[in-house]
Amino acid sequence: METLNDKLEGKKLELTYPCNWCYKVISTEEEALKKAVHDVIDEREHKLTHSNNSKSGKYVSMNLDLLVHNEDDRTFIYDALKKHQDIKMVL
């Protein structure tokens, strides 16, 4: 049986830019996560909302919604968030 991953393999995401994009950002501390997002996107207009806490309380996730202008912009923000020392994961 063919899975969704099989169908998507080798295909590129096709988006029409500019568009709104949501990153799910995960950290150990909400305040550190907020500061990390500010470090990456500076004064750019965005919405950062609480998403979830892990059962153990060790991790917090937040949704970062903002307008991305092109593929390079979208991937630059993703990479910069992922590399930030206070961020554990970006989805």
PDB file of N, CA and C in Angstrom:
ATOM      1  N   MET A   1       0.843  -1.187   0.000  1.00  0.00           N
ATOM      2  CA  MET A   1       0.000   0.000   0.000  1.00  0.00           C
ATOM      3  C   MET A   1       0.887   1.249   0.000  1.00  0.00           C
ATOM      4  N   GLU A   2       0.574   2.180  -0.874  1.00  0.00           N
ATOM      5  CA  GLU A   2       1.349   3.415  -0.990  1.00  0.00           C
ATOM      6  C   GLU A   2       0.968   4.371   0.145  1.00  0.00           C
ATOM      7  N   THR A   3       1.986   4.929   0.801  1.00  0.00           N
ATOM      8  CA  THR A   3       1.745   5.868   1.894  1.00  0.00           C
ATOM      9  C   THR A   3       1.841   7.303   1.377  1.00  0.00           C
ATOM     10  N   LEU A   4       1.439   8.251   2.207  1.00  0.00           N
ATOM     11  CA  LEU A   4       1.536   9.660   1.858  1.00  0.00           C
ATOM     12  C   LEU A   4       2.989  10.038   1.598  1.00  0.00           C
ATOM     13  N   ASN A   5       3.920   9.528   2.420  1.00  0.00           N
ATOM     14  CA  ASN A   5       5.337   9.825   2.209  1.00  0.00           C
ATOM     15  C   ASN A   5       5.806   9.334   0.848  1.00  0.00           C
ATOM     16  N   ASP A   6       5.318   8.173   0.416  1.00  0.00           N
ATOM     17  CA  ASP A   6       5.669   7.645  -0.903  1.00  0.00           C
ATOM     18  C   ASP A   6       5.185   8.596  -2.003  1.00  0.00           C
ATOM     19  N   LYS A   7       3.979   9.098  -1.839  1.00  0.00           N
ATOM     20  CA  LYS A   7       3.410  10.000  -2.841  1.00  0.00           C
ATOM     21  C   LYS A   7       4.155  11.328  -2.906  1.00  0.00           C
ATOM     22  N   LEU A   8       4.641  11.792  -1.759  1.00  0.00           N
ATOM     23  CA  LEU A   8       5.299  13.095  -1.696  1.00  0.00           C
ATOM     24  C   LEU A   8       6.794  13.036  -1.995  1.00  0.00           C
ATOM     25  N   GLU A   9       7.366  11.854  -2.009  1.00  0.00           N
ATOM     26  CA  GLU A   9       8.803  11.700  -2.197  1.00  0.00           C
ATOM     27  C   GLU A   9       9.250  12.356  -3.512  1.00  0.00           C
ATOM     28  N   GLY A  10      10.267  13.201  -3.407  1.00  0.00           N
ATOM     29  CA  GLY A  10      10.812  13.862  -4.582  1.00  0.00           C
ATOM     30  C   GLY A  10      10.020  15.064  -5.051  1.00  0.00           C
ATOM     31  N   LYS A  11       8.906  15.367  -4.399  1.00  0.00           N
ATOM     32  CA  LYS A  11       8.096  16.520  -4.796  1.00  0.00           C
ATOM     33  C   LYS A  11       8.446  17.717  -3.923  1.00  0.00           C
ATOM     34  N   LYS A  12       8.406  18.883  -4.528  1.00  0.00           N
ATOM     35  CA  LYS A  12       8.716  20.118  -3.818  1.00  0.00           C
ATOM     36  C   LYS A  12       7.422  20.824  -3.439  1.00  0.00           C
ATOM     37  N   LEU A  13       7.431  21.424  -2.258  1.00  0.00           N
ATOM     38  CA  LEU A  13       6.285  22.192  -1.798  1.00  0.00           C
ATOM     39  C   LEU A  13       6.107  23.405  -2.706  1.00  0.00           C
ATOM     40  N   GLU A  14       4.921  23.569  -3.265  1.00  0.00           N
ATOM     41  CA  GLU A  14       4.667  24.704  -4.144  1.00  0.00           C
ATOM     42  C   GLU A  14       3.768  25.698  -3.426  1.00  0.00           C
ATOM     43  N   LEU A  15       4.335  26.872  -3.180  1.00  0.00           N
ATOM     44  CA  LEU A  15       3.605  27.929  -2.488  1.00  0.00           C
ATOM     45  C   LEU A  15       3.569  29.173  -3.361  1.00  0.00           C
ATOM     46  N   THR A  16       2.542  29.969  -3.180  1.00  0.00           N
ATOM     47  CA  THR A  16       2.465  31.263  -3.841  1.00  0.00           C
ATOM     48  C   THR A  16       2.843  32.313  -2.806  1.00  0.00           C
ATOM     49  N   TYR A  17       3.912  33.027  -3.079  1.00  0.00           N
ATOM     50  CA  TYR A  17       4.420  34.030  -2.134  1.00  0.00           C
ATOM     51  C   TYR A  17       3.971  35.410  -2.561  1.00  0.00           C
ATOM     52  N   PRO A  18       3.876  36.349  -1.595  1.00  0.00           N
ATOM     53  CA  PRO A  18       4.023  36.133  -0.151  1.00  0.00           C
ATOM     54  C   PRO A  18       2.838  35.343   0.397  1.00  0.00           C
ATOM     55  N   CYS A  19       3.095  34.654   1.517  1.00  0.00           N
ATOM     56  CA  CYS A  19       2.028  33.890   2.165  1.00  0.00           C
ATOM     57  C   CYS A  19       2.280  33.827   3.673  1.00  0.00           C
ATOM     58  N   ASN A  20       1.217  33.533   4.403  1.00  0.00           N
ATOM     59  CA  ASN A  20       1.350  33.352   5.842  1.00  0.00           C
ATOM     60  C   ASN A  20       1.921  31.968   6.101  1.00  0.00           C
ATOM     61  N   TRP A  21       2.815  31.868   7.088  1.00  0.00           N
ATOM     62  CA  TRP A  21       3.443  30.596   7.415  1.00  0.00           C
ATOM     63  C   TRP A  21       3.474  30.448   8.932  1.00  0.00           C
ATOM     64  N   CYS A  22       3.290  29.223   9.398  1.00  0.00           N
ATOM     65  CA  CYS A  22       3.315  28.957  10.832  1.00  0.00           C
ATOM     66  C   CYS A  22       4.447  27.987  11.147  1.00  0.00           C
ATOM     67  N   TYR A  23       5.327  28.403  12.041  1.00  0.00           N
ATOM     68  CA  TYR A  23       6.384  27.537  12.564  1.00  0.00           C
ATOM     69  C   TYR A  23       5.980  27.123  13.974  1.00  0.00           C
ATOM     70  N   LYS A  24       6.128  25.858  14.310  1.00  0.00           N
ATOM     71  CA  LYS A  24       5.925  25.417  15.678  1.00  0.00           C
ATOM     72  C   LYS A  24       7.319  25.367  16.301  1.00  0.00           C
ATOM     73  N   VAL A  25       7.519  26.154  17.354  1.00  0.00           N
ATOM     74  CA  VAL A  25       8.826  26.317  17.964  1.00  0.00           C
ATOM     75  C   VAL A  25       8.792  25.722  19.368  1.00  0.00           C
ATOM     76  N   ILE A  26       9.784  24.899  19.695  1.00  0.00           N
ATOM     77  CA  ILE A  26       9.811  24.181  20.971  1.00  0.00           C
ATOM     78  C   ILE A  26      11.065  24.539  21.746  1.00  0.00           C
ATOM     79  N   SER A  27      10.880  24.803  23.045  1.00  0.00           N
ATOM     80  CA  SER A  27      11.980  25.183  23.926  1.00  0.00           C
ATOM     81  C   SER A  27      11.703  24.631  25.324  1.00  0.00           C
ATOM     82  N   THR A  28      12.668  24.814  26.211  1.00  0.00           N
ATOM     83  CA  THR A  28      12.471  24.370  27.594  1.00  0.00           C
ATOM     84  C   THR A  28      11.816  25.452  28.444  1.00  0.00           C
ATOM     85  N   GLU A  29      11.819  26.690  27.965  1.00  0.00           N
ATOM     86  CA  GLU A  29      11.308  27.817  28.743  1.00  0.00           C
ATOM     87  C   GLU A  29      10.578  28.801  27.841  1.00  0.00           C
ATOM     88  N   GLU A  30       9.395  29.217  28.233  1.00  0.00           N
ATOM     89  CA  GLU A  30       8.612  30.130  27.403  1.00  0.00           C
ATOM     90  C   GLU A  30       9.310  31.469  27.181  1.00  0.00           C
ATOM     91  N   GLU A  31       9.868  32.050  28.230  1.00  0.00           N
ATOM     92  CA  GLU A  31      10.529  33.355  28.082  1.00  0.00           C
ATOM     93  C   GLU A  31      11.753  33.267  27.174  1.00  0.00           C
ATOM     94  N   ALA A  32      12.513  32.186  27.285  1.00  0.00           N
ATOM     95  CA  ALA A  32      13.685  31.986  26.416  1.00  0.00           C
ATOM     96  C   ALA A  32      13.236  31.825  24.969  1.00  0.00           C
ATOM     97  N   LEU A  33      12.122  31.131  24.765  1.00  0.00           N
ATOM     98  CA  LEU A  33      11.582  30.944  23.417  1.00  0.00           C
ATOM     99  C   LEU A  33      11.173  32.301  22.828  1.00  0.00           C
ATOM    100  N   LYS A  34      10.486  33.111  23.609  1.00  0.00           N
ATOM    101  CA  LYS A  34      10.058  34.433  23.138  1.00  0.00           C
ATOM    102  C   LYS A  34      11.253  35.299  22.767  1.00  0.00           C
ATOM    103  N   LYS A  35      12.293  35.270  23.585  1.00  0.00           N
ATOM    104  CA  LYS A  35      13.497  36.050  23.307  1.00  0.00           C
ATOM    105  C   LYS A  35      14.187  35.532  22.053  1.00  0.00           C
ATOM    106  N   ALA A  36      14.256  34.224  21.879  1.00  0.00           N
ATOM    107  CA  ALA A  36      14.885  33.633  20.699  1.00  0.00           C
ATOM    108  C   ALA A  36      14.155  34.057  19.424  1.00  0.00           C
ATOM    109  N   VAL A  37      12.832  34.035  19.457  1.00  0.00           N
ATOM    110  CA  VAL A  37      12.041  34.462  18.297  1.00  0.00           C
ATOM    111  C   VAL A  37      12.346  35.920  17.994  1.00  0.00           C
ATOM    112  N   HIS A  38      12.393  36.753  19.022  1.00  0.00           N
ATOM    113  CA  HIS A  38      12.716  38.176  18.830  1.00  0.00           C
ATOM    114  C   HIS A  38      14.119  38.329  18.237  1.00  0.00           C
ATOM    115  N   ASP A  39      15.072  37.535  18.709  1.00  0.00           N
ATOM    116  CA  ASP A  39      16.438  37.587  18.177  1.00  0.00           C
ATOM    117  C   ASP A  39      16.452  37.299  16.679  1.00  0.00           C
ATOM    118  N   VAL A  40      15.628  36.368  16.253  1.00  0.00           N
ATOM    119  CA  VAL A  40      15.632  35.936  14.847  1.00  0.00           C
ATOM    120  C   VAL A  40      14.856  36.884  13.947  1.00  0.00           C
ATOM    121  N   ILE A  41      13.655  37.283  14.356  1.00  0.00           N
ATOM    122  CA  ILE A  41      12.824  38.078  13.441  1.00  0.00           C
ATOM    123  C   ILE A  41      12.797  39.559  13.775  1.00  0.00           C
ATOM    124  N   ASP A  42      13.441  39.955  14.869  1.00  0.00           N
ATOM    125  CA  ASP A  42      13.574  41.355  15.251  1.00  0.00           C
ATOM    126  C   ASP A  42      12.207  42.027  15.339  1.00  0.00           C
ATOM    127  N   GLU A  43      12.002  43.100  14.616  1.00  0.00           N
ATOM    128  CA  GLU A  43      10.761  43.881  14.728  1.00  0.00           C
ATOM    129  C   GLU A  43       9.716  43.480  13.697  1.00  0.00           C
ATOM    130  N   ARG A  44       9.952  42.410  12.995  1.00  0.00           N
ATOM    131  CA  ARG A  44       9.026  41.970  11.948  1.00  0.00           C
ATOM    132  C   ARG A  44       7.665  41.617  12.554  1.00  0.00           C
ATOM    133  N   GLU A  45       6.598  41.993  11.878  1.00  0.00           N
ATOM    134  CA  GLU A  45       5.252  41.717  12.391  1.00  0.00           C
ATOM    135  C   GLU A  45       5.007  40.211  12.436  1.00  0.00           C
ATOM    136  N   HIS A  46       4.509  39.753  13.580  1.00  0.00           N
ATOM    137  CA  HIS A  46       4.269  38.323  13.767  1.00  0.00           C
ATOM    138  C   HIS A  46       3.255  38.117  14.888  1.00  0.00           C
ATOM    139  N   LYS A  47       2.813  36.881  15.019  1.00  0.00           N
ATOM    140  CA  LYS A  47       1.934  36.504  16.132  1.00  0.00           C
ATOM    141  C   LYS A  47       2.542  35.252  16.753  1.00  0.00           C
ATOM    142  N   LEU A  48       2.796  35.300  18.059  1.00  0.00           N
ATOM    143  CA  LEU A  48       3.367  34.173  18.785  1.00  0.00           C
ATOM    144  C   LEU A  48       2.348  33.744  19.834  1.00  0.00           C
ATOM    145  N   THR A  49       1.849  32.514  19.702  1.00  0.00           N
ATOM    146  CA  THR A  49       0.805  32.030  20.605  1.00  0.00           C
ATOM    147  C   THR A  49       1.209  30.698  21.224  1.00  0.00           C
ATOM    148  N   HIS A  50       0.750  30.489  22.448  1.00  0.00           N
ATOM    149  CA  HIS A  50       1.044  29.237  23.153  1.00  0.00           C
ATOM    150  C   HIS A  50       0.379  28.080  22.431  1.00  0.00           C
ATOM    151  N   SER A  51       1.106  26.984  22.300  1.00  0.00           N
ATOM    152  CA  SER A  51       0.568  25.811  21.638  1.00  0.00           C
ATOM    153  C   SER A  51       0.336  24.681  22.634  1.00  0.00           C
ATOM    154  N   ASN A  52       1.416  24.292  23.359  1.00  0.00           N
ATOM    155  CA  ASN A  52       1.302  23.128  24.228  1.00  0.00           C
ATOM    156  C   ASN A  52       2.448  23.096  25.232  1.00  0.00           C
ATOM    157  N   ASN A  53       2.244  22.338  26.310  1.00  0.00           N
ATOM    158  CA  ASN A  53       3.310  22.007  27.257  1.00  0.00           C
ATOM    159  C   ASN A  53       3.421  20.489  27.279  1.00  0.00           C
ATOM    160  N   SER A  54       4.644  19.982  27.417  1.00  0.00           N
ATOM    161  CA  SER A  54       4.793  18.533  27.518  1.00  0.00           C
ATOM    162  C   SER A  54       4.196  18.048  28.838  1.00  0.00           C
ATOM    163  N   LYS A  55       3.849  16.777  28.903  1.00  0.00           N
ATOM    164  CA  LYS A  55       3.254  16.225  30.127  1.00  0.00           C
ATOM    165  C   LYS A  55       4.154  16.441  31.332  1.00  0.00           C
ATOM    166  N   SER A  56       5.450  16.310  31.131  1.00  0.00           N
ATOM    167  CA  SER A  56       6.402  16.471  32.239  1.00  0.00           C
ATOM    168  C   SER A  56       6.648  17.942  32.580  1.00  0.00           C
ATOM    169  N   GLY A  57       6.238  18.843  31.679  1.00  0.00           N
ATOM    170  CA  GLY A  57       6.475  20.265  31.901  1.00  0.00           C
ATOM    171  C   GLY A  57       7.870  20.692  31.489  1.00  0.00           C
ATOM    172  N   LYS A  58       8.614  19.788  30.899  1.00  0.00           N
ATOM    173  CA  LYS A  58      10.000  20.083  30.513  1.00  0.00           C
ATOM    174  C   LYS A  58      10.067  20.957  29.260  1.00  0.00           C
ATOM    175  N   TYR A  59       9.070  20.848  28.378  1.00  0.00           N
ATOM    176  CA  TYR A  59       9.079  21.586  27.116  1.00  0.00           C
ATOM    177  C   TYR A  59       7.801  22.390  26.927  1.00  0.00           C
ATOM    178  N   VAL A  60       7.946  23.496  26.215  1.00  0.00           N
ATOM    179  CA  VAL A  60       6.813  24.331  25.832  1.00  0.00           C
ATOM    180  C   VAL A  60       6.901  24.539  24.324  1.00  0.00           C
ATOM    181  N   SER A  61       5.746  24.520  23.665  1.00  0.00           N
ATOM    182  CA  SER A  61       5.732  24.816  22.237  1.00  0.00           C
ATOM    183  C   SER A  61       4.823  26.014  21.984  1.00  0.00           C
ATOM    184  N   MET A  62       5.231  26.804  20.996  1.00  0.00           N
ATOM    185  CA  MET A  62       4.463  27.983  20.611  1.00  0.00           C
ATOM    186  C   MET A  62       4.381  28.028  19.096  1.00  0.00           C
ATOM    187  N   ASN A  63       3.315  28.638  18.600  1.00  0.00           N
ATOM    188  CA  ASN A  63       3.144  28.834  17.156  1.00  0.00           C
ATOM    189  C   ASN A  63       3.596  30.241  16.790  1.00  0.00           C
ATOM    190  N   LEU A  64       4.470  30.317  15.808  1.00  0.00           N
ATOM    191  CA  LEU A  64       4.929  31.596  15.281  1.00  0.00           C
ATOM    192  C   LEU A  64       4.328  31.771  13.897  1.00  0.00           C
ATOM    193  N   ASP A  65       3.408  32.728  13.780  1.00  0.00           N
ATOM    194  CA  ASP A  65       2.761  33.013  12.502  1.00  0.00           C
ATOM    195  C   ASP A  65       3.280  34.332  11.960  1.00  0.00           C
ATOM    196  N   LEU A  66       3.700  34.314  10.690  1.00  0.00           N
ATOM    197  CA  LEU A  66       4.138  35.547  10.065  1.00  0.00           C
ATOM    198  C   LEU A  66       4.076  35.418   8.554  1.00  0.00           C
ATOM    199  N   LEU A  67       4.204  36.552   7.877  1.00  0.00           N
ATOM    200  CA  LEU A  67       4.196  36.609   6.430  1.00  0.00           C
ATOM    201  C   LEU A  67       5.613  36.335   5.935  1.00  0.00           C
ATOM    202  N   VAL A  68       5.749  35.339   5.066  1.00  0.00           N
ATOM    203  CA  VAL A  68       7.052  35.081   4.436  1.00  0.00           C
ATOM    204  C   VAL A  68       6.968  35.556   2.989  1.00  0.00           C
ATOM    205  N   HIS A  69       8.061  36.132   2.514  1.00  0.00           N
ATOM    206  CA  HIS A  69       8.045  36.797   1.208  1.00  0.00           C
ATOM    207  C   HIS A  69       8.441  35.887   0.051  1.00  0.00           C
ATOM    208  N   ASN A  70       9.254  34.871   0.342  1.00  0.00           N
ATOM    209  CA  ASN A  70       9.687  33.941  -0.704  1.00  0.00           C
ATOM    210  C   ASN A  70      10.285  32.708  -0.033  1.00  0.00           C
ATOM    211  N   GLU A  71      10.692  31.743  -0.856  1.00  0.00           N
ATOM    212  CA  GLU A  71      11.251  30.485  -0.341  1.00  0.00           C
ATOM    213  C   GLU A  71      12.497  30.722   0.513  1.00  0.00           C
ATOM    214  N   ASP A  72      13.368  31.606   0.055  1.00  0.00           N
ATOM    215  CA  ASP A  72      14.598  31.903   0.808  1.00  0.00           C
ATOM    216  C   ASP A  72      14.282  32.493   2.177  1.00  0.00           C
ATOM    217  N   ASP A  73      13.315  33.382   2.222  1.00  0.00           N
ATOM    218  CA  ASP A  73      12.890  34.006   3.476  1.00  0.00           C
ATOM    219  C   ASP A  73      12.366  32.936   4.433  1.00  0.00           C
ATOM    220  N   ARG A  74      11.498  32.055   3.922  1.00  0.00           N
ATOM    221  CA  ARG A  74      10.892  30.999   4.747  1.00  0.00           C
ATOM    222  C   ARG A  74      11.957  30.059   5.312  1.00  0.00           C
ATOM    223  N   THR A  75      12.882  29.635   4.469  1.00  0.00           N
ATOM    224  CA  THR A  75      13.915  28.693   4.934  1.00  0.00           C
ATOM    225  C   THR A  75      14.960  29.390   5.804  1.00  0.00           C
ATOM    226  N   PHE A  76      15.250  30.668   5.542  1.00  0.00           N
ATOM    227  CA  PHE A  76      16.191  31.403   6.391  1.00  0.00           C
ATOM    228  C   PHE A  76      15.663  31.477   7.822  1.00  0.00           C
ATOM    229  N   ILE A  77      14.386  31.816   7.976  1.00  0.00           N
ATOM    230  CA  ILE A  77      13.794  31.917   9.317  1.00  0.00           C
ATOM    231  C   ILE A  77      13.817  30.554   9.998  1.00  0.00           C
ATOM    232  N   TYR A  78      13.442  29.515   9.278  1.00  0.00           N
ATOM    233  CA  TYR A  78      13.456  28.150   9.830  1.00  0.00           C
ATOM    234  C   TYR A  78      14.863  27.798  10.320  1.00  0.00           C
ATOM    235  N   ASP A  79      15.871  28.004   9.477  1.00  0.00           N
ATOM    236  CA  ASP A  79      17.253  27.664   9.834  1.00  0.00           C
ATOM    237  C   ASP A  79      17.754  28.488  11.014  1.00  0.00           C
ATOM    238  N   ALA A  80      17.435  29.781  11.024  1.00  0.00           N
ATOM    239  CA  ALA A  80      17.885  30.653  12.111  1.00  0.00           C
ATOM    240  C   ALA A  80      17.240  30.248  13.436  1.00  0.00           C
ATOM    241  N   LEU A  81      15.956  29.911  13.415  1.00  0.00           N
ATOM    242  CA  LEU A  81      15.286  29.440  14.633  1.00  0.00           C
ATOM    243  C   LEU A  81      15.915  28.130  15.103  1.00  0.00           C
ATOM    244  N   LYS A  82      16.129  27.212  14.156  1.00  0.00           N
ATOM    245  CA  LYS A  82      16.668  25.896  14.483  1.00  0.00           C
ATOM    246  C   LYS A  82      18.068  25.982  15.102  1.00  0.00           C
ATOM    247  N   LYS A  83      18.861  26.953  14.643  1.00  0.00           N
ATOM    248  CA  LYS A  83      20.238  27.102  15.132  1.00  0.00           C
ATOM    249  C   LYS A  83      20.330  27.844  16.464  1.00  0.00           C
ATOM    250  N   HIS A  84      19.274  28.531  16.868  1.00  0.00           N
ATOM    251  CA  HIS A  84      19.314  29.337  18.103  1.00  0.00           C
ATOM    252  C   HIS A  84      19.498  28.421  19.302  1.00  0.00           C
ATOM    253  N   GLN A  85      20.388  28.798  20.194  1.00  0.00           N
ATOM    254  CA  GLN A  85      20.740  27.969  21.349  1.00  0.00           C
ATOM    255  C   GLN A  85      19.578  27.687  22.294  1.00  0.00           C
ATOM    256  N   ASP A  86      18.575  28.561  22.342  1.00  0.00           N
ATOM    257  CA  ASP A  86      17.450  28.371  23.270  1.00  0.00           C
ATOM    258  C   ASP A  86      16.286  27.595  22.662  1.00  0.00           C
ATOM    259  N   ILE A  87      16.404  27.226  21.402  1.00  0.00           N
ATOM    260  CA  ILE A  87      15.327  26.496  20.731  1.00  0.00           C
ATOM    261  C   ILE A  87      15.754  25.057  20.521  1.00  0.00           C
ATOM    262  N   LYS A  88      14.898  24.141  20.953  1.00  0.00           N
ATOM    263  CA  LYS A  88      15.202  22.713  20.855  1.00  0.00           C
ATOM    264  C   LYS A  88      14.777  22.115  19.522  1.00  0.00           C
ATOM    265  N   MET A  89      13.648  22.609  18.957  1.00  0.00           N
ATOM    266  CA  MET A  89      13.131  22.034  17.725  1.00  0.00           C
ATOM    267  C   MET A  89      12.208  23.033  17.020  1.00  0.00           C
ATOM    268  N   VAL A  90      12.179  22.946  15.693  1.00  0.00           N
ATOM    269  CA  VAL A  90      11.274  23.769  14.886  1.00  0.00           C
ATOM    270  C   VAL A  90      10.555  22.835  13.917  1.00  0.00           C
ATOM    271  N   LEU A  91       9.241  22.933  13.872  1.00  0.00           N
ATOM    272  CA  LEU A  91       8.453  22.123  12.932  1.00  0.00           C
ATOM    273  C   LEU A  91       7.726  23.035  11.957  1.00  0.00           C
TER     274      LEU A  91
END
